[in-house]
Structures are given as C-alpha cells and as structure tokens.
Protein backbone atom coordinates (compact mmCIF):
# COMPACT_ATOMS: atom_id res chain seq x y z
CA MET A 1 -43.81 -9.75 -6.55
CA ARG A 2 -40.28 -9.49 -5.12
CA THR A 3 -37.69 -7.08 -6.42
CA VAL A 4 -34.19 -8.48 -6.63
CA GLU A 5 -31.40 -6.03 -5.98
CA LYS A 6 -28.12 -6.58 -7.74
CA VAL A 7 -25.17 -6.48 -5.40
CA LYS A 8 -21.78 -5.48 -6.73
CA LEU A 9 -19.07 -7.83 -5.51
CA THR A 10 -15.41 -6.94 -5.47
CA ARG A 11 -12.81 -9.72 -5.51
CA SER A 12 -10.53 -9.65 -2.48
CA SER A 13 -6.81 -9.21 -2.86
CA GLY A 14 -6.34 -11.90 -0.22
CA ASN A 15 -5.36 -9.31 2.37
CA VAL A 16 -8.21 -7.51 4.12
CA PHE A 17 -5.89 -4.66 5.12
CA ARG A 18 -4.95 -4.07 1.48
CA ASP A 19 -8.65 -4.13 0.59
CA LEU A 20 -9.23 -1.46 3.26
CA GLY A 21 -6.74 0.85 1.55
CA PHE A 22 -3.50 0.31 3.44
CA SER A 23 -0.30 0.40 1.37
CA GLY A 24 1.08 -2.96 0.29
CA ASP A 25 3.88 -3.03 2.86
CA GLU A 26 1.67 -1.83 5.73
CA ALA A 27 -1.04 -4.33 4.75
CA GLU A 28 1.44 -7.23 4.87
CA TYR A 29 2.74 -6.06 8.26
CA LEU A 30 -0.80 -5.83 9.65
CA LYS A 31 -1.77 -9.21 8.20
CA LEU A 32 1.21 -10.87 9.89
CA ARG A 33 0.42 -9.21 13.23
CA ALA A 34 -3.23 -10.26 12.93
CA GLU A 35 -2.30 -13.89 12.18
CA LEU A 36 0.03 -14.01 15.18
CA MET A 37 -2.60 -12.41 17.41
CA VAL A 38 -5.36 -14.80 16.33
CA ASN A 39 -3.11 -17.80 16.94
CA LEU A 40 -2.22 -16.49 20.40
CA GLN A 41 -5.90 -15.98 21.22
CA LYS A 42 -6.67 -19.53 20.04
CA VAL A 43 -3.93 -21.07 22.21
CA ILE A 44 -5.14 -19.20 25.29
CA ALA A 45 -8.75 -20.22 24.63
CA ALA A 46 -7.86 -23.85 23.84
CA ARG A 47 -6.00 -24.16 27.13
CA GLY A 48 -8.98 -22.69 28.97
CA LEU A 49 -6.81 -20.03 30.59
CA LYS A 50 -8.36 -17.16 32.46
CA GLN A 51 -6.81 -13.79 31.63
CA ALA A 52 -4.95 -13.64 34.95
CA GLU A 53 -3.53 -17.13 34.36
CA ALA A 54 -2.46 -16.22 30.84
CA ALA A 55 -0.88 -13.02 32.16
CA ASP A 56 1.24 -15.02 34.62
CA LEU A 57 2.41 -17.39 31.88
CA LEU A 58 3.13 -14.54 29.46
CA GLY A 59 4.85 -12.32 32.03
CA VAL A 60 2.45 -9.43 31.41
CA THR A 61 -0.45 -7.81 33.24
CA GLN A 62 -4.07 -8.97 33.03
CA PRO A 63 -5.12 -5.73 31.27
CA ARG A 64 -2.48 -6.49 28.61
CA VAL A 65 -4.04 -9.93 28.05
CA SER A 66 -7.45 -8.22 27.88
CA ASP A 67 -6.14 -5.97 25.09
CA LEU A 68 -4.83 -9.06 23.32
CA MET A 69 -8.11 -10.96 23.60
CA ARG A 70 -10.09 -7.93 22.37
CA GLY A 71 -7.90 -7.78 19.26
CA ARG A 72 -6.19 -4.44 19.95
CA ILE A 73 -3.69 -5.07 17.16
CA ASP A 74 -2.41 -1.50 17.39
CA LEU A 75 -0.90 -2.24 20.83
CA PHE A 76 1.22 -5.25 19.85
CA SER A 77 4.35 -5.52 17.71
CA ILE A 78 5.33 -8.65 15.82
CA ASP A 79 8.20 -9.20 18.28
CA THR A 80 5.88 -8.96 21.28
CA LEU A 81 3.41 -11.45 19.78
CA ILE A 82 6.19 -13.92 18.92
CA ASP A 83 7.60 -13.59 22.46
CA MET A 84 4.15 -14.27 23.94
CA LEU A 85 3.73 -17.37 21.76
CA ALA A 86 7.18 -18.56 22.88
CA HIS A 87 6.15 -18.17 26.54
CA LEU A 88 3.31 -20.58 25.77
CA GLY A 89 5.71 -23.06 24.15
CA ILE A 90 4.68 -22.23 20.59
CA ARG A 91 7.45 -21.88 18.02
CA VAL A 92 6.83 -19.46 15.16
CA LYS A 93 8.06 -20.45 11.72
CA LEU A 94 8.22 -17.75 9.08
CA VAL A 95 7.81 -18.78 5.46
CA LEU A 96 8.89 -16.27 2.83
CA HIS A 97 7.34 -16.01 -0.62
CA PRO A 98 8.53 -13.74 -3.42
CA ARG A 99 6.14 -10.96 -4.28
CA ARG A 100 4.08 -11.53 -7.41
CA ARG A 101 5.47 -9.45 -10.24
CA ARG A 102 3.32 -7.05 -12.18
CA ALA A 103 2.91 -7.72 -15.87
CA GLY A 104 5.84 -6.25 -17.76
CA ALA A 105 8.01 -5.78 -14.66
CA GLU A 106 11.57 -7.00 -15.05
CA SER A 107 12.79 -9.62 -12.61
CA PRO A 108 15.45 -8.29 -10.20
CA LEU A 109 17.36 -11.53 -10.73
CA ARG A 110 17.32 -11.14 -14.50
CA HIS A 111 18.56 -7.56 -14.09
CA HIS A 112 21.30 -8.74 -11.72
CA ARG A 113 22.43 -11.40 -14.20
CA SER A 114 22.61 -8.90 -17.04
CA ILE A 115 24.78 -6.61 -14.91
CA SER A 116 27.06 -9.53 -14.07
CA ARG A 117 27.47 -10.40 -17.75
CA ALA A 118 28.25 -6.79 -18.62
CA GLN A 119 30.87 -6.61 -15.88
CA ARG A 120 32.60 -9.73 -17.21
CA ALA A 121 33.07 -8.20 -20.66
C-alpha cells in the first residue's frame, strides 16, 4: 500500500524574486534585469555565436560574455544589458503598468483631484 504525502503549494506572486523575499522594488528591478539577460542569452544562442565572437560584437571581453551566459545577474546593470542588446541590433521597448492597488488604498489620482478642487475654492 502506498502512502500519499500532501504537499503544500504556495501561489506565486508572479515575480520569483518577490517570492524569495526581496522587497517589491528590488524584486521588480531584478525581474527586469533577468528578462533582459535571458533575452540576450537567447539572441547569442540563436545566432550560434561563440563567446569570443559575441564579445567582439558586444565590445566586451570573452570572460564578460561567460558571466552573461552563466546568468551572473549581479554583475550586469539594466543599462549594460540594454547596451549589449543594442550592439546586437535589438531594440528594447519598455512598457509601464500601474502598480496594483491594495484594497482600501486611495488612488493618487483621486487624491490629486481632490486637492485641485480644494485649491479652486
């Protein structure tokens, strides 16, 4: 007879860094860097570039490309990753979304409008 263990599942927030305990702002920053890094890795792999070839195209050293391909996210800023993508002819488009409000939180726009009305009086 088999014993079935119950496994407790926790719903993800949609951001693995947030789930790992990083603050909201830091988690968003890390998520963006990770997405840029993964896309850069995919472009290099899709083009079949060796690390030395990628280094020449990116204007960096081969060890720097090695760090990139090994996912050393701590060594790359958002600006650096965007610059590297640009060197490969990839344009980055940033899409902004308002943060989801917590229940009961007042909208900053609603607050701004109420101030404007009060100032008109």
